[in-house]
Protein backbone atom coordinates (compact mmCIF):
# COMPACT_ATOMS: atom_id res chain seq x y z
CA MET A 1 -27.30 -21.68 18.27
CA LYS A 2 -27.33 -24.34 15.55
CA LYS A 3 -29.50 -22.16 13.28
CA LYS A 4 -27.07 -19.26 13.66
CA TYR A 5 -24.14 -21.59 12.87
CA HIS A 6 -25.86 -22.99 9.76
CA LEU A 7 -26.68 -19.45 8.61
CA GLN A 8 -23.03 -18.47 8.89
CA ILE A 9 -22.00 -21.54 6.88
CA CYS A 10 -24.53 -20.67 4.18
CA ILE A 11 -23.23 -17.11 3.98
CA VAL A 12 -19.65 -18.37 3.58
CA ILE A 13 -20.69 -20.84 0.86
CA LEU A 14 -22.67 -18.19 -1.03
CA THR A 15 -19.77 -15.72 -0.76
CA LEU A 16 -17.36 -18.32 -2.15
CA PHE A 17 -19.81 -19.26 -4.90
CA PHE A 18 -20.39 -15.73 -6.12
CA GLY A 19 -16.69 -14.94 -5.85
CA LEU A 20 -15.88 -18.01 -7.92
CA THR A 21 -18.61 -17.17 -10.42
CA LYS A 22 -17.19 -13.67 -10.84
CA SER A 23 -13.68 -15.05 -11.25
CA VAL A 24 -14.87 -17.48 -13.91
CA TYR A 25 -16.80 -14.71 -15.64
CA ALA A 26 -13.69 -12.54 -15.68
CA GLN A 27 -11.97 -15.32 -17.60
CA GLN A 28 -14.86 -16.03 -19.98
CA SER A 29 -13.55 -17.28 -23.30
CA VAL A 30 -14.31 -15.57 -26.60
CA SER A 31 -15.02 -17.65 -29.70
CA PHE A 32 -13.21 -17.16 -33.03
CA ASN A 33 -13.76 -18.86 -36.39
CA SER A 34 -10.13 -20.01 -36.59
CA PRO A 35 -8.94 -21.20 -33.17
CA VAL A 36 -5.20 -21.32 -32.47
CA ASN A 37 -3.49 -23.78 -30.15
CA THR A 38 -1.80 -21.58 -27.55
CA ARG A 39 -0.72 -24.26 -25.12
CA THR A 40 2.85 -23.79 -23.94
CA LYS A 41 5.61 -25.06 -26.27
CA PRO A 42 9.30 -25.61 -25.52
CA ILE A 43 11.73 -22.81 -26.33
CA GLU A 44 15.48 -22.79 -26.88
CA LEU A 45 17.23 -20.40 -24.52
CA GLN A 46 20.40 -18.63 -25.61
CA LEU A 47 23.65 -19.52 -23.94
CA LYS A 48 24.57 -16.22 -22.32
CA LYS A 49 28.27 -15.59 -22.89
CA THR A 50 30.98 -13.41 -24.36
CA TYR A 51 32.37 -14.95 -27.55
CA GLU A 52 36.07 -14.45 -28.25
CA LEU A 53 37.56 -14.73 -31.74
CA GLU A 54 41.11 -14.99 -30.51
CA LYS A 55 42.88 -14.85 -33.87
CA ALA A 56 41.05 -11.69 -34.90
CA GLY A 57 40.99 -10.05 -31.48
CA VAL A 58 37.22 -9.54 -31.84
CA TYR A 59 34.51 -10.14 -29.22
CA ALA A 60 30.72 -10.35 -29.12
CA SER A 61 28.37 -10.62 -26.15
CA ASN A 62 24.71 -11.36 -25.51
CA GLU A 63 24.94 -10.82 -21.76
CA PHE A 64 22.27 -8.14 -21.43
CA ASP A 65 18.48 -7.86 -21.50
CA GLY A 66 17.07 -7.87 -25.03
CA ALA A 67 20.07 -9.66 -26.56
CA ARG A 68 19.76 -12.29 -29.29
CA LEU A 69 22.94 -14.06 -30.43
CA SER A 70 23.09 -17.84 -30.81
CA ASP A 71 26.71 -18.22 -31.94
CA PHE A 72 29.64 -16.18 -33.26
CA ILE A 73 32.08 -17.90 -35.62
CA LEU A 74 35.26 -16.63 -37.30
CA GLU A 75 35.17 -17.13 -41.08
CA ASN A 76 38.46 -15.40 -41.97
CA ASP A 77 40.71 -12.69 -40.55
CA SER A 78 38.17 -9.94 -41.32
CA THR A 79 34.74 -11.63 -41.15
CA ALA A 80 32.58 -13.42 -38.59
CA THR A 81 29.30 -15.25 -39.02
CA VAL A 82 26.57 -14.12 -36.64
CA ILE A 83 24.28 -17.08 -35.97
CA ILE A 84 20.73 -16.03 -35.09
CA LYS A 85 18.10 -18.60 -34.09
CA PRO A 86 14.50 -18.05 -32.97
CA GLU A 87 13.18 -19.14 -29.59
CA ASN A 88 11.18 -21.92 -31.31
CA SER A 89 9.31 -22.61 -34.53
CA PRO A 90 7.09 -22.19 -36.46
CA ILE A 91 7.50 -18.45 -36.09
CA ASN A 92 7.18 -15.28 -38.16
CA ASN A 93 9.97 -14.60 -40.62
CA SER A 94 11.23 -11.68 -38.55
CA GLY A 95 14.76 -12.55 -37.46
CA TYR A 96 15.61 -10.41 -34.44
CA TYR A 97 19.20 -9.94 -33.31
CA ALA A 98 21.05 -7.88 -30.70
CA PHE A 99 24.65 -8.15 -29.50
CA LYS A 100 27.56 -6.03 -28.32
CA THR A 101 30.87 -6.21 -30.19
CA TRP A 102 34.33 -4.75 -29.79
CA SER A 103 37.98 -5.48 -30.59
CA SER A 104 41.33 -5.40 -28.83
CA SER A 105 42.62 -2.84 -31.36
CA PRO A 106 40.94 -0.51 -33.88
CA LYS A 107 39.98 -2.24 -37.13
CA PRO A 108 37.22 -2.60 -39.74
CA PHE A 109 35.41 -5.91 -39.42
CA TYR A 110 32.58 -7.66 -41.26
CA PHE A 111 29.58 -9.49 -39.80
CA THR A 112 27.51 -11.89 -41.93
CA PHE A 113 24.06 -12.79 -40.57
CA HIS A 114 23.00 -16.41 -40.74
CA TYR A 115 19.47 -17.64 -39.96
CA PRO A 116 17.97 -21.15 -40.04
CA LYS A 117 16.67 -22.36 -43.39
CA GLY A 118 13.43 -20.63 -44.32
CA TYR A 119 14.15 -17.43 -42.38
CA LYS A 120 15.71 -14.23 -43.61
CA HIS A 121 17.01 -10.84 -42.58
CA ARG A 122 14.23 -8.29 -41.93
CA TYR A 123 15.58 -5.36 -39.92
CA ILE A 124 18.11 -2.66 -40.88
CA PRO A 125 20.76 -2.72 -38.12
CA LYS A 126 20.65 -0.01 -35.46
CA LEU A 127 23.83 0.91 -33.62
CA LYS A 128 24.16 2.23 -30.08
CA THR A 129 27.35 4.12 -29.23
CA ASN A 130 27.89 6.69 -26.50
CA ASN A 131 24.33 5.96 -25.35
CA ASN A 132 22.88 7.12 -28.71
CA TRP A 133 21.05 5.05 -31.31
CA THR A 134 21.58 5.54 -35.05
CA ALA A 135 20.77 3.47 -38.12
CA ILE A 136 23.82 1.96 -39.78
CA ASP A 137 25.21 3.79 -42.79
CA PRO A 138 23.61 2.10 -45.85
CA ALA A 139 27.05 2.08 -47.50
CA PHE A 140 28.13 -0.44 -44.84
CA ILE A 141 25.40 -2.95 -45.71
CA TYR A 142 26.23 -5.59 -48.36
CA ARG A 143 23.63 -7.93 -49.83
CA LYS A 144 24.23 -11.04 -51.90
CA ASP A 145 20.95 -12.74 -52.69
CA SER A 146 19.39 -13.24 -49.24
CA ILE A 147 22.69 -12.97 -47.34
CA VAL A 148 23.36 -9.74 -45.48
CA THR A 149 26.79 -8.59 -44.31
CA ILE A 150 27.59 -5.37 -42.46
CA LYS A 151 30.85 -3.54 -41.85
CA LEU A 152 31.71 -1.95 -38.50
CA ASN A 153 34.73 0.03 -37.41
CA LEU A 154 35.61 -1.65 -34.14
CA SER A 155 37.60 -0.46 -31.15
CA LYS A 156 37.78 -1.27 -27.45
CA GLU A 157 34.55 0.68 -26.96
CA PRO A 158 31.61 -1.75 -27.44
CA ILE A 159 29.05 -1.13 -30.17
CA LEU A 160 25.55 -2.47 -29.56
CA VAL A 161 24.12 -3.86 -32.81
CA ALA A 162 20.39 -4.58 -32.84
CA ALA A 163 17.51 -5.17 -35.21
CA GLN A 164 15.53 -2.46 -33.41
CA GLU A 165 16.35 -0.10 -30.59
CA ILE A 166 16.25 -2.04 -27.34
CA GLN A 167 13.54 -1.14 -24.85
CA SER A 168 13.84 -3.68 -22.04
CA SER A 169 11.36 -4.10 -19.20
CA THR A 170 13.65 -1.88 -17.10
CA ASP A 171 13.65 0.81 -19.80
CA VAL A 172 9.87 0.65 -19.96
CA LYS A 173 9.55 1.00 -16.18
CA ASN A 174 11.90 3.98 -16.17
CA TRP A 175 9.79 5.64 -18.88
CA TYR A 176 6.36 5.27 -17.29
CA THR A 177 7.65 6.02 -13.79
CA ASN A 178 8.98 9.33 -15.08
CA VAL A 179 5.84 10.12 -17.11
CA VAL A 180 3.39 9.62 -14.24
CA ALA A 181 5.60 10.96 -11.42
CA ASP A 182 3.59 14.15 -10.79
CA LYS A 183 0.17 12.92 -11.87
CA GLU A 184 -2.02 11.93 -8.95
CA TYR A 185 -4.77 10.79 -11.30
CA VAL A 186 -2.59 7.93 -12.60
CA THR A 187 -2.28 4.80 -10.48
CA VAL A 188 0.45 2.32 -11.34
CA LYS A 189 -0.84 -1.19 -10.70
CA SER A 190 0.09 -4.73 -11.64
CA ALA A 191 -1.94 -7.22 -13.63
CA GLY A 192 0.27 -9.97 -12.24
CA ASN A 193 3.56 -11.62 -13.14
CA SER A 194 4.99 -13.43 -16.12
CA VAL A 195 6.27 -17.00 -15.94
CA LEU A 196 9.72 -15.67 -14.99
CA GLY A 197 8.19 -13.46 -12.30
CA LYS A 198 8.45 -10.17 -14.18
CA ASN A 199 5.80 -7.56 -13.45
CA ILE A 200 3.03 -6.84 -15.97
CA PRO A 201 2.42 -3.15 -15.20
CA VAL A 202 -0.87 -1.33 -15.70
CA LEU A 203 -1.53 2.42 -15.69
CA ASP A 204 -5.06 3.14 -14.45
CA ILE A 205 -5.91 6.70 -15.51
CA TYR A 206 -8.98 8.84 -14.74
CA LYS A 207 -10.05 11.96 -12.83
CA GLY A 208 -12.80 11.96 -10.24
CA ASP A 209 -14.91 8.87 -9.63
CA LYS A 210 -14.12 5.86 -11.83
CA LYS A 211 -17.64 4.50 -11.38
CA ASN A 212 -19.56 4.22 -14.67
CA LYS A 213 -16.71 5.70 -16.72
CA LYS A 214 -16.43 4.10 -20.17
CA ILE A 215 -13.08 2.39 -20.69
CA ILE A 216 -10.44 2.70 -23.40
CA VAL A 217 -7.71 0.02 -23.31
CA LEU A 218 -4.19 0.61 -24.67
CA LEU A 219 -1.58 -2.12 -24.92
CA THR A 220 1.74 -2.80 -26.59
CA ARG A 221 4.78 -5.13 -26.78
CA GLN A 222 2.92 -8.39 -27.19
CA HIS A 223 5.66 -9.01 -29.76
CA PRO A 224 9.10 -8.23 -28.28
CA PRO A 225 10.99 -6.47 -31.13
CA GLU A 226 8.15 -4.15 -32.11
CA THR A 227 9.54 -0.97 -30.59
CA THR A 228 8.25 1.46 -33.23
CA GLY A 229 4.72 0.57 -32.13
CA TYR A 230 5.84 1.07 -28.52
CA TYR A 231 7.11 4.56 -29.42
CA ALA A 232 3.69 5.39 -30.88
CA PHE A 233 2.10 4.10 -27.64
CA GLN A 234 4.43 6.40 -25.67
CA SER A 235 3.53 9.47 -27.74
CA PHE A 236 -0.18 8.60 -27.62
CA LEU A 237 -0.22 8.20 -23.84
CA GLU A 238 1.97 11.23 -23.15
CA THR A 239 -0.49 13.33 -25.16
CA ILE A 240 -3.41 12.09 -23.05
CA LEU A 241 -1.41 13.08 -19.96
CA ASP A 242 -0.23 16.48 -21.24
CA GLY A 243 -2.40 18.55 -18.88
CA SER A 244 -4.29 20.33 -21.66
CA GLU A 245 -7.89 21.44 -21.33
CA LEU A 246 -8.88 18.66 -23.74
CA SER A 247 -7.05 16.08 -21.64
CA ASP A 248 -8.69 17.36 -18.45
CA VAL A 249 -12.22 17.09 -19.85
CA PHE A 250 -11.46 13.71 -21.40
CA LEU A 251 -10.10 12.16 -18.19
CA LYS A 252 -13.02 13.46 -16.16
CA THR A 253 -15.29 11.60 -18.56
CA TYR A 254 -13.40 8.43 -19.54
CA ARG A 255 -11.00 5.92 -18.04
CA ILE A 256 -7.79 4.70 -19.67
CA ILE A 257 -6.31 1.31 -18.80
CA ALA A 258 -2.85 1.05 -20.36
CA PHE A 259 -0.42 -1.90 -20.50
CA PRO A 260 3.06 -0.64 -21.54
CA ILE A 261 4.68 -4.08 -21.78
CA ALA A 262 2.53 -7.18 -22.23
CA ASN A 263 5.39 -9.63 -22.79
CA PRO A 264 8.28 -8.74 -20.44
CA ASP A 265 9.84 -12.22 -20.59
CA GLY A 266 9.98 -12.23 -24.38
CA VAL A 267 11.32 -8.67 -24.46
CA ASP A 268 14.17 -9.31 -22.03
CA LEU A 269 15.03 -12.71 -23.54
CA GLY A 270 15.40 -11.14 -26.98
CA HIS A 271 12.68 -13.26 -28.57
CA TRP A 272 11.66 -12.86 -32.19
CA ARG A 273 7.95 -13.13 -31.49
CA HIS A 274 6.88 -15.28 -28.56
CA ASN A 275 6.70 -15.28 -24.77
CA TYR A 276 8.52 -17.67 -22.43
CA GLY A 277 5.78 -20.20 -23.16
CA GLY A 278 6.78 -20.22 -26.83
CA ILE A 279 3.48 -18.68 -27.94
CA ASP A 280 2.44 -15.62 -29.96
CA LEU A 281 0.47 -13.75 -27.29
CA ASN A 282 -1.64 -12.04 -29.94
CA ARG A 283 -3.20 -15.41 -30.73
CA ASP A 284 -4.22 -16.17 -27.14
CA TRP A 285 -7.22 -13.82 -26.83
CA SER A 286 -9.75 -16.65 -26.66
CA VAL A 287 -9.05 -19.19 -23.92
CA TYR A 288 -6.02 -17.47 -22.29
CA ASN A 289 -3.56 -20.34 -21.99
CA GLN A 290 -0.67 -17.95 -21.36
CA PRO A 291 -0.41 -16.14 -18.00
CA GLU A 292 0.25 -12.72 -19.56
CA ILE A 293 -3.01 -12.57 -21.53
CA LYS A 294 -4.98 -14.39 -18.82
CA GLN A 295 -4.01 -11.73 -16.28
CA ILE A 296 -4.46 -8.80 -18.66
CA VAL A 297 -7.95 -10.02 -19.57
CA LYS A 298 -8.82 -10.55 -15.92
CA PHE A 299 -7.68 -7.03 -15.01
CA ILE A 300 -9.69 -5.40 -17.82
CA THR A 301 -12.90 -7.34 -17.27
CA THR A 302 -12.75 -7.06 -13.48
CA ALA A 303 -12.29 -3.29 -13.73
CA SER A 304 -15.22 -3.09 -16.11
CA ASP A 305 -17.46 -5.27 -13.91
CA ASP A 306 -16.53 -3.79 -10.55
CA ASP A 307 -16.87 -0.17 -11.63
CA GLU A 308 -19.70 -0.65 -14.14
CA GLY A 309 -17.77 0.88 -17.00
CA ASP A 310 -18.31 -0.44 -20.51
CA ILE A 311 -15.24 -1.20 -22.62
CA ILE A 312 -15.69 0.87 -25.79
CA LEU A 313 -12.29 0.94 -27.51
CA GLY A 314 -9.11 -1.11 -27.60
CA LEU A 315 -5.91 0.02 -29.33
CA ASP A 316 -3.10 -2.52 -29.63
CA PHE A 317 0.22 -0.96 -30.76
CA HIS A 318 2.51 -3.09 -32.98
CA SER A 319 5.17 -2.81 -35.69
CA THR A 320 5.29 -4.24 -39.19
CA THR A 321 6.88 -3.44 -42.55
CA LYS A 322 4.79 -0.29 -43.06
CA ASP A 323 2.28 1.90 -41.22
CA VAL A 324 -1.17 0.33 -41.25
CA PHE A 325 -4.33 0.19 -39.14
CA TYR A 326 -5.96 -3.24 -38.94
CA THR A 327 -9.66 -2.76 -38.24
CA ASN A 328 -12.81 -4.85 -37.98
CA LYS A 329 -15.41 -4.50 -40.74
CA LYS A 330 -18.22 -5.15 -38.27
CA ARG A 331 -19.12 -1.74 -36.85
CA ASP A 332 -22.87 -1.09 -37.06
CA ASN A 333 -23.75 -2.66 -33.72
CA THR A 334 -20.57 -1.85 -31.83
CA SER A 335 -20.31 0.73 -29.06
CA MET A 336 -19.11 3.42 -31.52
CA PRO A 337 -20.06 2.53 -35.11
CA ASN A 338 -18.73 5.79 -36.57
CA PHE A 339 -15.58 6.22 -34.50
CA ILE A 340 -13.11 4.85 -37.04
CA ASP A 341 -14.42 7.05 -39.87
CA TYR A 342 -14.24 10.16 -37.68
CA TRP A 343 -10.81 9.21 -36.35
CA PHE A 344 -9.17 8.51 -39.70
CA ALA A 345 -10.62 11.70 -41.16
CA GLY A 346 -9.10 13.61 -38.23
CA LEU A 347 -5.68 12.06 -38.82
CA GLU A 348 -5.69 12.98 -42.49
CA ARG A 349 -6.91 16.48 -41.71
CA ASN A 350 -4.23 17.19 -39.10
CA ILE A 351 -1.11 15.41 -40.43
CA PRO A 352 0.18 17.19 -43.55
CA GLY A 353 0.20 14.94 -46.61
CA TYR A 354 -0.91 11.91 -44.63
CA LYS A 355 -3.18 9.19 -46.01
CA VAL A 356 -4.46 6.50 -43.66
CA ASN A 357 -3.55 2.97 -44.67
CA GLU A 358 -6.42 0.81 -43.44
CA SER A 359 -6.70 -2.95 -43.77
CA SER A 360 -10.15 -4.08 -42.70
CA GLY A 361 -11.51 -7.55 -42.01
CA ASN A 362 -13.24 -9.16 -39.04
CA SER A 363 -10.75 -11.07 -36.91
CA GLN A 364 -10.77 -14.78 -37.66
CA GLU A 365 -7.94 -15.74 -35.30
CA PRO A 366 -7.97 -14.89 -31.57
CA VAL A 367 -6.22 -11.51 -31.67
CA SER A 368 -6.85 -8.54 -29.38
CA LYS A 369 -8.91 -6.47 -31.84
CA GLY A 370 -11.23 -9.44 -32.27
CA TRP A 371 -11.48 -9.87 -28.50
CA PHE A 372 -12.70 -6.29 -28.14
CA LEU A 373 -15.24 -6.83 -30.94
CA TYR A 374 -16.58 -10.29 -30.10
CA GLY A 375 -16.08 -10.15 -26.34
CA HIS A 376 -17.27 -6.61 -25.63
CA ASN A 377 -18.93 -5.28 -28.77
CA ALA A 378 -16.24 -2.59 -28.69
CA VAL A 379 -14.09 -1.02 -31.40
CA GLY A 380 -10.81 -2.92 -31.71
CA ILE A 381 -7.88 -1.63 -33.76
CA THR A 382 -4.35 -2.94 -34.26
CA TYR A 383 -2.22 0.21 -34.59
CA GLU A 384 0.85 -0.75 -36.64
CA ILE A 385 3.93 1.42 -37.23
CA GLY A 386 6.50 0.62 -39.90
CA ASP A 387 9.86 -0.85 -38.89
CA ALA A 388 11.69 2.09 -40.43
CA THR A 389 9.20 4.90 -39.77
CA PRO A 390 11.25 7.88 -38.51
CA LYS A 391 10.86 8.68 -34.82
CA GLU A 392 9.72 12.23 -35.48
CA ASP A 393 6.91 10.89 -37.69
CA ILE A 394 5.92 8.35 -35.04
CA GLU A 395 5.72 11.09 -32.42
CA ILE A 396 3.47 13.26 -34.61
CA LYS A 397 1.16 10.35 -35.44
CA GLY A 398 0.92 9.38 -31.78
CA GLN A 399 0.11 12.95 -30.72
CA VAL A 400 -2.47 13.60 -33.42
CA SER A 401 -4.20 10.22 -33.08
CA ALA A 402 -4.54 10.75 -29.30
CA LYS A 403 -5.89 14.30 -29.67
CA GLU A 404 -8.36 13.25 -32.36
CA MET A 405 -9.56 10.31 -30.25
CA MET A 406 -10.16 12.62 -27.28
CA LYS A 407 -11.97 15.24 -29.42
CA ILE A 408 -14.28 12.63 -30.92
CA LEU A 409 -15.14 11.06 -27.57
CA VAL A 410 -15.61 14.38 -25.76
CA TYR A 411 -17.36 16.50 -28.39
CA ILE A 412 -18.91 14.20 -31.02
CA ILE A 413 -19.83 10.75 -29.71
CA LYS A 414 -19.92 11.61 -25.97
CA PRO A 415 -20.59 9.01 -23.23
């Protein structure tokens, strides 16, 4: 009886040990030449309120997800100063703003943007009226040195003014729920929760048995305002799910793991760059101090380990001042040393007049493309779309880049 009892104890201990070992392995750090301190830092939360400029009869509100308005001050009877502060500093010089404004009676009114010293205006204002987004008329933008003022024709109907079109965590959920509604080969999962308890959704996509399928990872919205990159992610993923013969063959051969919103707290809080922990998540791909990256990494590596599928490609969708692909120079010994050359050639061949803008250099700081390279010997690419790239162009680039990726992996490189 004692021997049987001791045997059971040993089995429990071994089970716990191997489970712990696997958990630790799933969180294995990846070394970079230039480490970044990603321990949580304090942030300054906005005071959520509706500001009233009583003398002018003008109002402004930040009481919605994705808003960013720190203060609203009347300068004279026709102008207000819009105070915009980041969640903390140091931070990228990418002042994000979003607020609703209206007036008690119809009138033209001017809004002057003010940022802390050292920061400046980056984004052309986008306006949402009648549930439609449009860029502001350039004739209504006034610049004096680094100071930007805009003119709006106000009424009782609120105008939403934002640096970029708002895509909150709710908007993202509505999009992917609709996209995968009739697709039994897509499983919506969760990598975990953010600090504020918001879901970090994952789309697990494949046909047939997932065992031994090589894995492509897609992710976006590490940086909250970067919605043009998110739109490219949407077009890319929708193309993979379009039901074509190419898509069918591809998904029977490969597995896609897609993260449509990596930083839901930062997105909904209207942050310039960081998560609720005050950290740039795309600098945390080494020791995973922040819960978002820790859980995303755990999900990817656990899927790879459990189902014996090698990670071969990671695409991280972002936005910047112009379209660019950030790549790693190291390719010879990666899973697909010729993929990037084939892929870029396909883009130029299939998008009229298009020339790929590539910026290549092995990742020194702990960013996602470096994690794919150094952690998994996989191809890692940061897929950047310009702040002002037209939506129709983004859609075409997303479609073509997805089709060319699938063609290369199905017909040229093969698993």
